[in-house]
């Protein structure tokens, strides 16, 4: 997975953290959780606020 795979990342996060509300996350935690996902292999420096927002929005959509 790469930072641009927001839907795939969101699904993996939903499976990894089923009891977490993605609306109540801070981006520091979200970034660390993405980096820790099995299969994630992108450069941590390529992550920015817009990417994290896209992942968070996809996670919210998947959770509903």
Protein backbone atom coordinates (compact mmCIF):
# COMPACT_ATOMS: atom_id res chain seq x y z
CA UNK A 1 0.00 0.00 0.00
CA UNK A 2 1.02 3.58 -0.68
CA UNK A 3 -0.24 6.90 0.67
CA UNK A 4 -2.44 7.33 -2.39
CA UNK A 5 -4.34 4.10 -1.65
CA UNK A 6 -6.71 5.87 0.72
CA UNK A 7 -9.63 3.45 0.28
CA UNK A 8 -7.45 0.38 0.80
CA UNK A 9 -5.80 2.00 3.83
CA UNK A 10 -9.21 2.92 5.26
CA UNK A 11 -10.42 -0.66 4.98
CA UNK A 12 -7.26 -1.95 6.65
CA UNK A 13 -7.63 0.59 9.46
CA UNK A 14 -11.27 -0.35 9.96
CA UNK A 15 -10.25 -3.99 10.31
CA UNK A 16 -7.30 -3.17 12.60
CA UNK A 17 -9.18 -0.66 14.81
CA UNK A 18 -12.89 -1.60 14.63
CA UNK A 19 -13.78 0.23 17.85
CA UNK A 20 -12.14 3.55 16.92
CA UNK A 21 -14.17 6.48 15.67
CA UNK A 22 -12.28 7.95 12.71
CA UNK A 23 -13.96 11.33 13.33
CA UNK A 24 -12.12 11.64 16.66
CA UNK A 25 -8.56 10.95 15.52
CA UNK A 26 -5.63 13.28 15.46
CA UNK A 27 -3.41 13.12 12.41
CA UNK A 28 -0.30 12.17 14.41
CA UNK A 29 -1.96 8.93 15.54
CA UNK A 30 -3.50 8.30 12.13
CA UNK A 31 -0.11 8.64 10.42
CA UNK A 32 1.52 6.25 12.88
CA UNK A 33 -1.27 3.69 12.47
CA UNK A 34 -0.96 3.81 8.68
CA UNK A 35 2.80 3.37 8.86
CA UNK A 36 2.30 0.31 11.10
CA UNK A 37 -0.17 -1.42 8.76
CA UNK A 38 1.03 -4.72 7.29
CA UNK A 39 1.71 -4.20 3.62
CA UNK A 40 2.26 -0.46 3.85
CA UNK A 41 5.51 0.41 2.12
CA UNK A 42 5.52 4.08 1.12
CA UNK A 43 7.97 6.76 2.23
CA UNK A 44 6.81 8.37 5.50
CA UNK A 45 8.03 11.74 4.22
CA UNK A 46 5.48 11.70 1.39
CA UNK A 47 2.59 12.06 3.81
CA UNK A 48 0.84 15.38 4.28
CA UNK A 49 -2.34 16.76 5.78
CA UNK A 50 -4.35 16.33 2.55
CA UNK A 51 -3.42 12.66 2.33
CA UNK A 52 -4.40 12.08 5.96
CA UNK A 53 -7.69 13.90 5.40
CA UNK A 54 -8.43 11.66 2.41
CA UNK A 55 -7.68 8.54 4.45
CA UNK A 56 -9.83 9.78 7.33
CA UNK A 57 -12.76 10.57 5.01
CA UNK A 58 -12.49 7.16 3.35
CA UNK A 59 -12.42 5.49 6.78
CA UNK A 60 -15.54 7.41 7.84
CA UNK A 61 -17.32 6.30 4.66
CA UNK A 62 -16.28 2.68 5.13
CA UNK A 63 -17.38 2.71 8.78
CA UNK A 64 -20.91 3.86 7.91
